[in-house]
PDB file of N, CA and C in Angstrom:
ATOM      1  N   UNK A   1      90.072  95.485 124.732  1.00  0.00           N
ATOM      2  CA  UNK A   1      90.731  96.036 123.571  1.00  0.00           C
ATOM      3  C   UNK A   1      92.251  96.038 123.772  1.00  0.00           C
ATOM      4  N   UNK A   2      92.684  96.421 124.986  1.00  0.00           N
ATOM      5  CA  UNK A   2      94.126  96.453 125.263  1.00  0.00           C
ATOM      6  C   UNK A   2      94.714  95.055 125.176  1.00  0.00           C
ATOM      7  N   UNK A   3      93.934  94.059 125.615  1.00  0.00           N
ATOM      8  CA  UNK A   3      94.397  92.675 125.562  1.00  0.00           C
ATOM      9  C   UNK A   3      94.587  92.242 124.115  1.00  0.00           C
ATOM     10  N   UNK A   4      93.654  92.601 123.246  1.00  0.00           N
ATOM     11  CA  UNK A   4      93.757  92.250 121.833  1.00  0.00           C
ATOM     12  C   UNK A   4      94.972  92.934 121.212  1.00  0.00           C
ATOM     13  N   UNK A   5      95.165  94.215 121.517  1.00  0.00           N
ATOM     14  CA  UNK A   5      96.312  94.954 120.991  1.00  0.00           C
ATOM     15  C   UNK A   5      97.622  94.324 121.454  1.00  0.00           C
ATOM     16  N   UNK A   6      97.682  93.941 122.715  1.00  0.00           N
ATOM     17  CA  UNK A   6      98.884  93.300 123.254  1.00  0.00           C
ATOM     18  C   UNK A   6      99.159  91.990 122.539  1.00  0.00           C
ATOM     19  N   UNK A   7      98.117  91.172 122.368  1.00  0.00           N
ATOM     20  CA  UNK A   7      98.280  89.885 121.714  1.00  0.00           C
ATOM     21  C   UNK A   7      98.760  90.064 120.281  1.00  0.00           C
ATOM     22  N   UNK A   8      98.114  90.965 119.554  1.00  0.00           N
ATOM     23  CA  UNK A   8      98.482  91.203 118.153  1.00  0.00           C
ATOM     24  C   UNK A   8      99.914  91.704 118.051  1.00  0.00           C
ATOM     25  N   UNK A   9     100.316  92.629 118.937  1.00  0.00           N
ATOM     26  CA  UNK A   9     101.680  93.149 118.875  1.00  0.00           C
ATOM     27  C   UNK A   9     102.708  92.063 119.172  1.00  0.00           C
ATOM     28  N   UNK A  10     102.400  91.175 120.100  1.00  0.00           N
ATOM     29  CA  UNK A  10     103.321  90.076 120.409  1.00  0.00           C
ATOM     30  C   UNK A  10     103.448  89.119 119.224  1.00  0.00           C
ATOM     31  N   UNK A  11     102.320  88.786 118.610  1.00  0.00           N
ATOM     32  CA  UNK A  11     102.345  87.863 117.478  1.00  0.00           C
ATOM     33  C   UNK A  11     103.107  88.481 116.304  1.00  0.00           C
ATOM     34  N   UNK A  12     102.861  89.754 116.033  1.00  0.00           N
ATOM     35  CA  UNK A  12     103.554  90.427 114.935  1.00  0.00           C
ATOM     36  C   UNK A  12     105.055  90.470 115.205  1.00  0.00           C
ATOM     37  N   UNK A  13     105.430  90.795 116.436  1.00  0.00           N
ATOM     38  CA  UNK A  13     106.856  90.851 116.778  1.00  0.00           C
ATOM     39  C   UNK A  13     107.509  89.488 116.624  1.00  0.00           C
ATOM     40  N   UNK A  14     106.836  88.466 117.086  1.00  0.00           N
ATOM     41  CA  UNK A  14     107.395  87.124 116.967  1.00  0.00           C
ATOM     42  C   UNK A  14     107.498  86.698 115.505  1.00  0.00           C
ATOM     43  N   UNK A  15     106.481  86.976 114.731  1.00  0.00           N
ATOM     44  CA  UNK A  15     106.497  86.576 113.326  1.00  0.00           C
ATOM     45  C   UNK A  15     107.555  87.340 112.538  1.00  0.00           C
ATOM     46  N   UNK A  16     107.676  88.637 112.787  1.00  0.00           N
ATOM     47  CA  UNK A  16     108.625  89.460 112.047  1.00  0.00           C
ATOM     48  C   UNK A  16     110.067  89.126 112.393  1.00  0.00           C
ATOM     49  N   UNK A  17     110.302  88.704 113.611  1.00  0.00           N
ATOM     50  CA  UNK A  17     111.678  88.509 114.061  1.00  0.00           C
ATOM     51  C   UNK A  17     112.129  87.059 114.048  1.00  0.00           C
ATOM     52  N   UNK A  18     111.310  86.207 113.563  1.00  0.00           N
ATOM     53  CA  UNK A  18     111.683  84.794 113.602  1.00  0.00           C
ATOM     54  C   UNK A  18     112.912  84.527 112.742  1.00  0.00           C
ATOM     55  N   UNK A  19     113.757  83.642 113.193  1.00  0.00           N
ATOM     56  CA  UNK A  19     114.927  83.302 112.388  1.00  0.00           C
ATOM     57  C   UNK A  19     114.501  82.678 111.059  1.00  0.00           C
ATOM     58  N   UNK A  20     115.286  82.895 110.025  1.00  0.00           N
ATOM     59  CA  UNK A  20     114.927  82.415 108.697  1.00  0.00           C
ATOM     60  C   UNK A  20     115.413  80.991 108.434  1.00  0.00           C
ATOM     61  N   UNK A  21     116.152  80.424 109.352  1.00  0.00           N
ATOM     62  CA  UNK A  21     116.641  79.066 109.158  1.00  0.00           C
ATOM     63  C   UNK A  21     116.075  78.158 110.228  1.00  0.00           C
ATOM     64  N   UNK A  22     115.836  76.955 109.877  1.00  0.00           N
ATOM     65  CA  UNK A  22     115.410  75.852 110.738  1.00  0.00           C
ATOM     66  C   UNK A  22     114.082  76.078 111.463  1.00  0.00           C
ATOM     67  N   UNK A  23     113.269  77.032 111.012  1.00  0.00           N
ATOM     68  CA  UNK A  23     111.962  77.208 111.643  1.00  0.00           C
ATOM     69  C   UNK A  23     111.069  75.995 111.417  1.00  0.00           C
ATOM     70  N   UNK A  24     111.224  75.366 110.279  1.00  0.00           N
ATOM     71  CA  UNK A  24     110.393  74.191 109.988  1.00  0.00           C
ATOM     72  C   UNK A  24     110.691  73.057 110.950  1.00  0.00           C
ATOM     73  N   UNK A  25     111.907  73.046 111.467  1.00  0.00           N
ATOM     74  CA  UNK A  25     112.296  71.982 112.389  1.00  0.00           C
ATOM     75  C   UNK A  25     112.105  72.357 113.852  1.00  0.00           C
ATOM     76  N   UNK A  26     111.625  73.559 114.108  1.00  0.00           N
ATOM     77  CA  UNK A  26     111.457  74.009 115.494  1.00  0.00           C
ATOM     78  C   UNK A  26     110.410  73.157 116.203  1.00  0.00           C
ATOM     79  N   UNK A  27     110.695  72.888 117.451  1.00  0.00           N
ATOM     80  CA  UNK A  27     109.754  72.125 118.275  1.00  0.00           C
ATOM     81  C   UNK A  27     109.442  72.923 119.533  1.00  0.00           C
ATOM     82  N   UNK A  28     108.304  72.640 120.100  1.00  0.00           N
ATOM     83  CA  UNK A  28     107.909  73.281 121.349  1.00  0.00           C
ATOM     84  C   UNK A  28     108.651  72.615 122.493  1.00  0.00           C
ATOM     85  N   UNK A  29     109.407  73.409 123.240  1.00  0.00           N
ATOM     86  CA  UNK A  29     110.152  72.883 124.388  1.00  0.00           C
ATOM     87  C   UNK A  29     109.349  72.990 125.673  1.00  0.00           C
ATOM     88  N   UNK A  30     108.540  74.025 125.765  1.00  0.00           N
ATOM     89  CA  UNK A  30     107.813  74.288 126.996  1.00  0.00           C
ATOM     90  C   UNK A  30     106.495  74.964 126.651  1.00  0.00           C
ATOM     91  N   UNK A  31     105.425  74.479 127.223  1.00  0.00           N
ATOM     92  CA  UNK A  31     104.103  75.086 127.019  1.00  0.00           C
ATOM     93  C   UNK A  31     103.307  74.857 128.302  1.00  0.00           C
ATOM     94  N   UNK A  32     103.337  75.861 129.164  1.00  0.00           N
ATOM     95  CA  UNK A  32     102.633  75.769 130.448  1.00  0.00           C
ATOM     96  C   UNK A  32     101.567  76.849 130.495  1.00  0.00           C
ATOM     97  N   UNK A  33     100.365  76.453 130.852  1.00  0.00           N
ATOM     98  CA  UNK A  33      99.254  77.403 130.940  1.00  0.00           C
ATOM     99  C   UNK A  33      98.463  77.104 132.200  1.00  0.00           C
ATOM    100  N   UNK A  34      98.116  78.164 132.896  1.00  0.00           N
ATOM    101  CA  UNK A  34      97.287  78.018 134.094  1.00  0.00           C
ATOM    102  C   UNK A  34      96.274  79.157 134.075  1.00  0.00           C
ATOM    103  N   UNK A  35      95.013  78.800 134.095  1.00  0.00           N
ATOM    104  CA  UNK A  35      93.933  79.780 134.119  1.00  0.00           C
ATOM    105  C   UNK A  35      93.012  79.407 135.265  1.00  0.00           C
ATOM    106  N   UNK A  36      92.943  80.287 136.250  1.00  0.00           N
ATOM    107  CA  UNK A  36      92.137  79.992 137.430  1.00  0.00           C
ATOM    108  C   UNK A  36      90.650  80.269 137.219  1.00  0.00           C
ATOM    109  N   UNK A  37      90.290  80.818 136.066  1.00  0.00           N
ATOM    110  CA  UNK A  37      88.900  81.086 135.776  1.00  0.00           C
ATOM    111  C   UNK A  37      88.351  82.346 136.424  1.00  0.00           C
ATOM    112  N   UNK A  38      89.187  83.062 137.160  1.00  0.00           N
ATOM    113  CA  UNK A  38      88.744  84.284 137.840  1.00  0.00           C
ATOM    114  C   UNK A  38      89.520  85.515 137.358  1.00  0.00           C
ATOM    115  N   UNK A  39      90.167  85.371 136.210  1.00  0.00           N
ATOM    116  CA  UNK A  39      90.957  86.479 135.667  1.00  0.00           C
ATOM    117  C   UNK A  39      92.433  86.365 135.972  1.00  0.00           C
ATOM    118  N   UNK A  40      92.821  85.451 136.842  1.00  0.00           N
ATOM    119  CA  UNK A  40      94.234  85.218 137.156  1.00  0.00           C
ATOM    120  C   UNK A  40      94.755  84.097 136.259  1.00  0.00           C
ATOM    121  N   UNK A  41      95.895  84.335 135.617  1.00  0.00           N
ATOM    122  CA  UNK A  41      96.458  83.312 134.741  1.00  0.00           C
ATOM    123  C   UNK A  41      97.971  83.445 134.662  1.00  0.00           C
ATOM    124  N   UNK A  42      98.605  82.380 134.220  1.00  0.00           N
ATOM    125  CA  UNK A  42     100.041  82.334 133.936  1.00  0.00           C
ATOM    126  C   UNK A  42     100.220  81.579 132.625  1.00  0.00           C
ATOM    127  N   UNK A  43     101.222  81.995 131.849  1.00  0.00           N
ATOM    128  CA  UNK A  43     101.466  81.407 130.541  1.00  0.00           C
ATOM    129  C   UNK A  43     102.967  81.416 130.289  1.00  0.00           C
ATOM    130  N   UNK A  44     103.500  80.310 129.802  1.00  0.00           N
ATOM    131  CA  UNK A  44     104.918  80.201 129.487  1.00  0.00           C
ATOM    132  C   UNK A  44     105.058  79.330 128.252  1.00  0.00           C
ATOM    133  N   UNK A  45     105.798  79.826 127.252  1.00  0.00           N
ATOM    134  CA  UNK A  45     105.949  79.109 125.989  1.00  0.00           C
ATOM    135  C   UNK A  45     107.365  79.314 125.468  1.00  0.00           C
ATOM    136  N   UNK A  46     107.996  78.221 125.001  1.00  0.00           N
ATOM    137  CA  UNK A  46     109.347  78.314 124.454  1.00  0.00           C
ATOM    138  C   UNK A  46     109.514  77.291 123.338  1.00  0.00           C
ATOM    139  N   UNK A  47     110.219  77.702 122.283  1.00  0.00           N
ATOM    140  CA  UNK A  47     110.491  76.791 121.173  1.00  0.00           C
ATOM    141  C   UNK A  47     111.996  76.623 120.993  1.00  0.00           C
ATOM    142  N   UNK A  48     112.368  75.627 120.219  1.00  0.00           N
ATOM    143  CA  UNK A  48     113.782  75.318 120.010  1.00  0.00           C
ATOM    144  C   UNK A  48     114.497  76.346 119.142  1.00  0.00           C
ATOM    145  N   UNK A  49     113.775  77.211 118.433  1.00  0.00           N
ATOM    146  CA  UNK A  49     114.427  78.222 117.599  1.00  0.00           C
ATOM    147  C   UNK A  49     114.551  79.567 118.306  1.00  0.00           C
ATOM    148  N   UNK A  50     114.396  79.592 119.630  1.00  0.00           N
ATOM    149  CA  UNK A  50     114.677  80.794 120.399  1.00  0.00           C
ATOM    150  C   UNK A  50     113.493  81.673 120.730  1.00  0.00           C
ATOM    151  N   UNK A  51     112.295  81.296 120.313  1.00  0.00           N
ATOM    152  CA  UNK A  51     111.118  82.083 120.678  1.00  0.00           C
ATOM    153  C   UNK A  51     110.715  81.725 122.097  1.00  0.00           C
ATOM    154  N   UNK A  52     110.487  82.757 122.903  1.00  0.00           N
ATOM    155  CA  UNK A  52     110.125  82.555 124.308  1.00  0.00           C
ATOM    156  C   UNK A  52     109.153  83.660 124.707  1.00  0.00           C
ATOM    157  N   UNK A  53     108.120  83.319 125.415  1.00  0.00           N
ATOM    158  CA  UNK A  53     107.214  84.319 125.970  1.00  0.00           C
ATOM    159  C   UNK A  53     106.645  83.805 127.286  1.00  0.00           C
ATOM    160  N   UNK A  54     106.467  84.715 128.192  1.00  0.00           N
ATOM    161  CA  UNK A  54     105.829  84.383 129.464  1.00  0.00           C
ATOM    162  C   UNK A  54     105.031  85.589 129.910  1.00  0.00           C
ATOM    163  N   UNK A  55     103.902  85.334 130.534  1.00  0.00           N
ATOM    164  CA  UNK A  55     103.107  86.429 131.079  1.00  0.00           C
ATOM    165  C   UNK A  55     102.204  85.906 132.178  1.00  0.00           C
ATOM    166  N   UNK A  56     101.826  86.820 133.044  1.00  0.00           N
ATOM    167  CA  UNK A  56     100.857  86.513 134.089  1.00  0.00           C
ATOM    168  C   UNK A  56      99.845  87.643 134.109  1.00  0.00           C
ATOM    169  N   UNK A  57      98.644  87.315 134.513  1.00  0.00           N
ATOM    170  CA  UNK A  57      97.594  88.316 134.500  1.00  0.00           C
ATOM    171  C   UNK A  57      96.718  88.247 135.729  1.00  0.00           C
ATOM    172  N   UNK A  58      96.151  89.390 136.049  1.00  0.00           N
ATOM    173  CA  UNK A  58      95.208  89.522 137.156  1.00  0.00           C
ATOM    174  C   UNK A  58      94.094  90.461 136.720  1.00  0.00           C
ATOM    175  N   UNK A  59      92.918  90.376 137.346  1.00  0.00           N
ATOM    176  CA  UNK A  59      91.844  91.308 137.001  1.00  0.00           C
ATOM    177  C   UNK A  59      92.228  92.733 137.385  1.00  0.00           C
ATOM    178  N   UNK A  60      91.873  93.690 136.525  1.00  0.00           N
ATOM    179  CA  UNK A  60      92.175  95.092 136.780  1.00  0.00           C
ATOM    180  C   UNK A  60      91.005  95.811 137.413  1.00  0.00           C
ATOM    181  N   UNK A  61      91.281  96.992 137.956  1.00  0.00           N
ATOM    182  CA  UNK A  61      90.252  97.745 138.667  1.00  0.00           C
ATOM    183  C   UNK A  61      89.208  98.343 137.734  1.00  0.00           C
ATOM    184  N   UNK A  62      89.506  98.426 136.436  1.00  0.00           N
ATOM    185  CA  UNK A  62      88.541  98.973 135.481  1.00  0.00           C
ATOM    186  C   UNK A  62      87.966  97.897 134.577  1.00  0.00           C
ATOM    187  N   UNK A  63      88.055  96.631 135.000  1.00  0.00           N
ATOM    188  CA  UNK A  63      87.495  95.532 134.240  1.00  0.00           C
ATOM    189  C   UNK A  63      88.432  94.912 133.227  1.00  0.00           C
ATOM    190  N   UNK A  64      89.607  95.462 133.067  1.00  0.00           N
ATOM    191  CA  UNK A  64      90.568  94.936 132.110  1.00  0.00           C
ATOM    192  C   UNK A  64      91.412  93.845 132.769  1.00  0.00           C
ATOM    193  N   UNK A  65      92.202  93.178 131.954  1.00  0.00           N
ATOM    194  CA  UNK A  65      93.185  92.232 132.477  1.00  0.00           C
ATOM    195  C   UNK A  65      94.509  92.965 132.617  1.00  0.00           C
ATOM    196  N   UNK A  66      95.064  92.982 133.803  1.00  0.00           N
ATOM    197  CA  UNK A  66      96.409  93.511 134.013  1.00  0.00           C
ATOM    198  C   UNK A  66      97.382  92.388 133.725  1.00  0.00           C
ATOM    199  N   UNK A  67      98.406  92.680 132.928  1.00  0.00           N
ATOM    200  CA  UNK A  67      99.380  91.652 132.581  1.00  0.00           C
ATOM    201  C   UNK A  67     100.784  92.192 132.732  1.00  0.00           C
ATOM    202  N   UNK A  68     101.676  91.290 133.006  1.00  0.00           N
ATOM    203  CA  UNK A  68     103.093  91.604 132.947  1.00  0.00           C
ATOM    204  C   UNK A  68     103.798  90.379 132.418  1.00  0.00           C
ATOM    205  N   UNK A  69     104.863  90.624 131.670  1.00  0.00           N
ATOM    206  CA  UNK A  69     105.568  89.499 131.090  1.00  0.00           C
ATOM    207  C   UNK A  69     106.732  89.940 130.242  1.00  0.00           C
ATOM    208  N   UNK A  70     107.171  89.023 129.395  1.00  0.00           N
ATOM    209  CA  UNK A  70     108.287  89.306 128.500  1.00  0.00           C
ATOM    210  C   UNK A  70     108.215  88.365 127.312  1.00  0.00           C
ATOM    211  N   UNK A  71     108.903  88.749 126.251  1.00  0.00           N
ATOM    212  CA  UNK A  71     109.091  87.854 125.120  1.00  0.00           C
ATOM    213  C   UNK A  71     110.467  88.127 124.533  1.00  0.00           C
ATOM    214  N   UNK A  72     111.023  87.098 123.916  1.00  0.00           N
ATOM    215  CA  UNK A  72     112.330  87.256 123.290  1.00  0.00           C
ATOM    216  C   UNK A  72     112.402  86.367 122.050  1.00  0.00           C
ATOM    217  N   UNK A  73     113.303  86.753 121.163  1.00  0.00           N
ATOM    218  CA  UNK A  73     113.488  86.035 119.910  1.00  0.00           C
ATOM    219  C   UNK A  73     114.869  86.373 119.381  1.00  0.00           C
ATOM    220  N   UNK A  74     115.317  85.595 118.419  1.00  0.00           N
ATOM    221  CA  UNK A  74     116.640  85.792 117.836  1.00  0.00           C
ATOM    222  C   UNK A  74     116.537  86.698 116.619  1.00  0.00           C
ATOM    223  N   UNK A  75     117.368  87.721 116.603  1.00  0.00           N
ATOM    224  CA  UNK A  75     117.424  88.639 115.460  1.00  0.00           C
ATOM    225  C   UNK A  75     118.243  88.013 114.338  1.00  0.00           C
ATOM    226  N   UNK A  76     118.106  88.514 113.110  1.00  0.00           N
ATOM    227  CA  UNK A  76     118.852  87.941 111.978  1.00  0.00           C
ATOM    228  C   UNK A  76     120.364  87.886 112.191  1.00  0.00           C
ATOM    229  N   UNK A  77     120.916  88.829 112.999  1.00  0.00           N
ATOM    230  CA  UNK A  77     122.368  88.798 113.237  1.00  0.00           C
ATOM    231  C   UNK A  77     122.762  87.840 114.360  1.00  0.00           C
ATOM    232  N   UNK A  78     121.780  87.131 114.921  1.00  0.00           N
ATOM    233  CA  UNK A  78     122.068  86.130 115.948  1.00  0.00           C
ATOM    234  C   UNK A  78     121.931  86.622 117.373  1.00  0.00           C
ATOM    235  N   UNK A  79     121.783  87.928 117.574  1.00  0.00           N
ATOM    236  CA  UNK A  79     121.602  88.438 118.932  1.00  0.00           C
ATOM    237  C   UNK A  79     120.163  88.203 119.389  1.00  0.00           C
ATOM    238  N   UNK A  80     119.985  88.238 120.687  1.00  0.00           N
ATOM    239  CA  UNK A  80     118.671  87.993 121.283  1.00  0.00           C
ATOM    240  C   UNK A  80     117.997  89.329 121.573  1.00  0.00           C
ATOM    241  N   UNK A  81     116.791  89.480 121.100  1.00  0.00           N
ATOM    242  CA  UNK A  81     115.969  90.658 121.402  1.00  0.00           C
ATOM    243  C   UNK A  81     115.008  90.280 122.512  1.00  0.00           C
ATOM    244  N   UNK A  82     114.902  91.134 123.530  1.00  0.00           N
ATOM    245  CA  UNK A  82     113.980  90.852 124.634  1.00  0.00           C
ATOM    246  C   UNK A  82     113.206  92.112 124.981  1.00  0.00           C
ATOM    247  N   UNK A  83     111.922  91.924 125.237  1.00  0.00           N
ATOM    248  CA  UNK A  83     111.032  93.000 125.636  1.00  0.00           C
ATOM    249  C   UNK A  83     110.299  92.556 126.887  1.00  0.00           C
ATOM    250  N   UNK A  84     110.309  93.392 127.912  1.00  0.00           N
ATOM    251  CA  UNK A  84     109.478  93.162 129.089  1.00  0.00           C
ATOM    252  C   UNK A  84     108.371  94.210 129.050  1.00  0.00           C
ATOM    253  N   UNK A  85     107.244  93.896 129.658  1.00  0.00           N
ATOM    254  CA  UNK A  85     106.124  94.824 129.581  1.00  0.00           C
ATOM    255  C   UNK A  85     105.194  94.688 130.773  1.00  0.00           C
ATOM    256  N   UNK A  86     104.442  95.745 130.976  1.00  0.00           N
ATOM    257  CA  UNK A  86     103.306  95.779 131.887  1.00  0.00           C
ATOM    258  C   UNK A  86     102.156  96.321 131.061  1.00  0.00           C
ATOM    259  N   UNK A  87     100.998  95.731 131.212  1.00  0.00           N
ATOM    260  CA  UNK A  87      99.812  96.210 130.517  1.00  0.00           C
ATOM    261  C   UNK A  87      98.694  96.290 131.547  1.00  0.00           C
ATOM    262  N   UNK A  88      98.207  97.512 131.791  1.00  0.00           N
ATOM    263  CA  UNK A  88      97.186  97.708 132.810  1.00  0.00           C
ATOM    264  C   UNK A  88      96.307  98.895 132.445  1.00  0.00           C
ATOM    265  N   UNK A  89      95.644  99.486 133.435  1.00  0.00           N
ATOM    266  CA  UNK A  89      94.757 100.621 133.158  1.00  0.00           C
ATOM    267  C   UNK A  89      95.519 101.818 132.586  1.00  0.00           C
ATOM    268  N   UNK A  90      96.832 101.801 132.659  1.00  0.00           N
ATOM    269  CA  UNK A  90      97.657 102.870 132.087  1.00  0.00           C
ATOM    270  C   UNK A  90      98.153 102.530 130.686  1.00  0.00           C
ATOM    271  N   UNK A  91      97.693 101.428 130.117  1.00  0.00           N
ATOM    272  CA  UNK A  91      98.083 101.041 128.765  1.00  0.00           C
ATOM    273  C   UNK A  91      99.228 100.044 128.729  1.00  0.00           C
ATOM    274  N   UNK A  92      99.721  99.813 127.532  1.00  0.00           N
ATOM    275  CA  UNK A  92     100.822  98.882 127.289  1.00  0.00           C
ATOM    276  C   UNK A  92     102.127  99.636 127.448  1.00  0.00           C
ATOM    277  N   UNK A  93     103.006  99.149 128.341  1.00  0.00           N
ATOM    278  CA  UNK A  93     104.247  99.841 128.665  1.00  0.00           C
ATOM    279  C   UNK A  93     105.434  98.897 128.472  1.00  0.00           C
ATOM    280  N   UNK A  94     105.936  98.801 127.244  1.00  0.00           N
ATOM    281  CA  UNK A  94     107.081  97.921 126.995  1.00  0.00           C
ATOM    282  C   UNK A  94     108.392  98.575 127.402  1.00  0.00           C
ATOM    283  N   UNK A  95     109.371  97.735 127.709  1.00  0.00           N
ATOM    284  CA  UNK A  95     110.722  98.216 128.009  1.00  0.00           C
ATOM    285  C   UNK A  95     111.723  97.295 127.322  1.00  0.00           C
ATOM    286  N   UNK A  96     112.656  97.907 126.617  1.00  0.00           N
ATOM    287  CA  UNK A  96     113.697  97.154 125.936  1.00  0.00           C
ATOM    288  C   UNK A  96     114.744  98.131 125.435  1.00  0.00           C
ATOM    289  N   UNK A  97     116.001  97.735 125.423  1.00  0.00           N
ATOM    290  CA  UNK A  97     117.007  98.613 124.823  1.00  0.00           C
ATOM    291  C   UNK A  97     116.792  98.776 123.316  1.00  0.00           C
ATOM    292  N   UNK A  98     115.954  97.937 122.717  1.00  0.00           N
ATOM    293  CA  UNK A  98     115.684  98.027 121.283  1.00  0.00           C
ATOM    294  C   UNK A  98     114.650  99.094 120.938  1.00  0.00           C
ATOM    295  N   UNK A  99     113.902  99.569 121.914  1.00  0.00           N
ATOM    296  CA  UNK A  99     112.863 100.566 121.666  1.00  0.00           C
ATOM    297  C   UNK A  99     113.531 101.937 121.595  1.00  0.00           C
ATOM    298  N   UNK A 100     113.328 102.644 120.483  1.00  0.00           N
ATOM    299  CA  UNK A 100     113.967 103.963 120.344  1.00  0.00           C
ATOM    300  C   UNK A 100     113.459 104.948 121.391  1.00  0.00           C
ATOM    301  N   UNK A 101     114.334 105.833 121.822  1.00  0.00           N
ATOM    302  CA  UNK A 101     113.957 106.883 122.762  1.00  0.00           C
ATOM    303  C   UNK A 101     114.359 108.230 122.166  1.00  0.00           C
ATOM    304  N   UNK A 102     113.660 109.247 122.599  1.00  0.00           N
ATOM    305  CA  UNK A 102     113.971 110.598 122.118  1.00  0.00           C
ATOM    306  C   UNK A 102     115.322 111.034 122.669  1.00  0.00           C
ATOM    307  N   UNK A 103     116.053 111.825 121.918  1.00  0.00           N
ATOM    308  CA  UNK A 103     117.326 112.331 122.440  1.00  0.00           C
ATOM    309  C   UNK A 103     117.056 113.307 123.582  1.00  0.00           C
ATOM    310  N   UNK A 104     118.010 113.510 124.464  1.00  0.00           N
ATOM    311  CA  UNK A 104     117.806 114.462 125.559  1.00  0.00           C
ATOM    312  C   UNK A 104     117.652 115.884 125.026  1.00  0.00           C
ATOM    313  N   UNK A 105     116.935 116.693 125.774  1.00  0.00           N
ATOM    314  CA  UNK A 105     116.766 118.095 125.389  1.00  0.00           C
ATOM    315  C   UNK A 105     118.106 118.824 125.459  1.00  0.00           C
ATOM    316  N   UNK A 106     118.323 119.773 124.566  1.00  0.00           N
ATOM    317  CA  UNK A 106     119.538 120.598 124.667  1.00  0.00           C
ATOM    318  C   UNK A 106     119.510 121.386 125.980  1.00  0.00           C
ATOM    319  N   UNK A 107     120.656 121.766 126.506  1.00  0.00           N
ATOM    320  CA  UNK A 107     120.717 122.454 127.806  1.00  0.00           C
ATOM    321  C   UNK A 107     119.853 123.716 127.896  1.00  0.00           C
ATOM    322  N   UNK A 108     119.707 124.455 126.811  1.00  0.00           N
ATOM    323  CA  UNK A 108     118.958 125.715 126.877  1.00  0.00           C
ATOM    324  C   UNK A 108     117.444 125.517 127.025  1.00  0.00           C
ATOM    325  N   UNK A 109     116.936 124.317 126.770  1.00  0.00           N
ATOM    326  CA  UNK A 109     115.493 124.084 126.853  1.00  0.00           C
ATOM    327  C   UNK A 109     114.996 124.258 128.291  1.00  0.00           C
ATOM    328  N   UNK A 110     115.729 123.797 129.268  1.00  0.00           N
ATOM    329  CA  UNK A 110     115.317 123.955 130.669  1.00  0.00           C
ATOM    330  C   UNK A 110     115.164 125.433 131.018  1.00  0.00           C
ATOM    331  N   UNK A 111     116.094 126.254 130.542  1.00  0.00           N
ATOM    332  CA  UNK A 111     116.012 127.699 130.808  1.00  0.00           C
ATOM    333  C   UNK A 111     114.798 128.316 130.120  1.00  0.00           C
ATOM    334  N   UNK A 112     114.511 127.917 128.887  1.00  0.00           N
ATOM    335  CA  UNK A 112     113.340 128.432 128.172  1.00  0.00           C
ATOM    336  C   UNK A 112     112.039 128.027 128.865  1.00  0.00           C
ATOM    337  N   UNK A 113     111.975 126.807 129.356  1.00  0.00           N
ATOM    338  CA  UNK A 113     110.776 126.353 130.078  1.00  0.00           C
ATOM    339  C   UNK A 113     110.597 127.132 131.383  1.00  0.00           C
ATOM    340  N   UNK A 114     111.699 127.426 132.062  1.00  0.00           N
ATOM    341  CA  UNK A 114     111.626 128.214 133.287  1.00  0.00           C
ATOM    342  C   UNK A 114     111.103 129.621 132.995  1.00  0.00           C
ATOM    343  N   UNK A 115     111.599 130.243 131.934  1.00  0.00           N
ATOM    344  CA  UNK A 115     111.144 131.582 131.545  1.00  0.00           C
ATOM    345  C   UNK A 115     109.658 131.557 131.185  1.00  0.00           C
ATOM    346  N   UNK A 116     109.234 130.561 130.423  1.00  0.00           N
ATOM    347  CA  UNK A 116     107.821 130.454 130.044  1.00  0.00           C
ATOM    348  C   UNK A 116     106.932 130.302 131.271  1.00  0.00           C
ATOM    349  N   UNK A 117     107.362 129.531 132.250  1.00  0.00           N
ATOM    350  CA  UNK A 117     106.576 129.358 133.481  1.00  0.00           C
ATOM    351  C   UNK A 117     106.487 130.671 134.256  1.00  0.00           C
ATOM    352  N   UNK A 118     107.573 131.411 134.318  1.00  0.00           N
ATOM    353  CA  UNK A 118     107.546 132.728 134.975  1.00  0.00           C
ATOM    354  C   UNK A 118     106.566 133.657 134.273  1.00  0.00           C
ATOM    355  N   UNK A 119     106.569 133.647 132.953  1.00  0.00           N
ATOM    356  CA  UNK A 119     105.650 134.507 132.195  1.00  0.00           C
ATOM    357  C   UNK A 119     104.194 134.111 132.440  1.00  0.00           C
ATOM    358  N   UNK A 120     103.908 132.805 132.464  1.00  0.00           N
ATOM    359  CA  UNK A 120     102.532 132.363 132.762  1.00  0.00           C
ATOM    360  C   UNK A 120     102.117 132.816 134.147  1.00  0.00           C
ATOM    361  N   UNK A 121     103.000 132.659 135.123  1.00  0.00           N
ATOM    362  CA  UNK A 121     102.682 133.045 136.499  1.00  0.00           C
ATOM    363  C   UNK A 121     102.447 134.559 136.604  1.00  0.00           C
ATOM    364  N   UNK A 122     103.111 135.346 135.762  1.00  0.00           N
ATOM    365  CA  UNK A 122     102.939 136.803 135.772  1.00  0.00           C
ATOM    366  C   UNK A 122     101.726 137.239 134.944  1.00  0.00           C
ATOM    367  N   UNK A 123     101.050 136.268 134.313  1.00  0.00           N
ATOM    368  CA  UNK A 123      99.867 136.603 133.522  1.00  0.00           C
ATOM    369  C   UNK A 123     100.166 137.036 132.113  1.00  0.00           C
ATOM    370  N   UNK A 124     101.378 136.866 131.664  1.00  0.00           N
ATOM    371  CA  UNK A 124     101.744 137.234 130.302  1.00  0.00           C
ATOM    372  C   UNK A 124     101.258 136.160 129.356  1.00  0.00           C
ATOM    373  N   UNK A 125     100.549 136.561 128.306  1.00  0.00           N
ATOM    374  CA  UNK A 125     100.078 135.626 127.288  1.00  0.00           C
ATOM    375  C   UNK A 125     100.489 136.122 125.925  1.00  0.00           C
ATOM    376  N   UNK A 126     100.594 135.208 125.005  1.00  0.00           N
ATOM    377  CA  UNK A 126     100.947 135.525 123.622  1.00  0.00           C
ATOM    378  C   UNK A 126      99.846 135.006 122.722  1.00  0.00           C
ATOM    379  N   UNK A 127      99.500 135.804 121.693  1.00  0.00           N
ATOM    380  CA  UNK A 127      98.459 135.376 120.763  1.00  0.00           C
ATOM    381  C   UNK A 127      99.021 135.032 119.425  1.00  0.00           C
TER     382      UNK A 127
END
């Protein structure tokens, strides 16, 4: 299931971010695939319009395929978007400066968490 989700997310990202010009003229520059038949594989694909993806996989301890790789494409403003990822028994873990992150907690949150932990340790509960 994780493999299907990973594949679908990669295809959607590539399709959504494809450049709007010269896609019809794009050609495959590189297409390398190696599958050892035992769950180990390598894949590398690149086109002339800036789409690139590579990944390698190994069998996982829970029967899944563990993968790591990256993909990149050109954004409408001409900059390159790149995502690296690991996908294993802990799920799909992408990394990219394009992925939004939560803002840091305000300074007082650490103090509130410390107080709450003290109250739990003292047996104080709230209903």
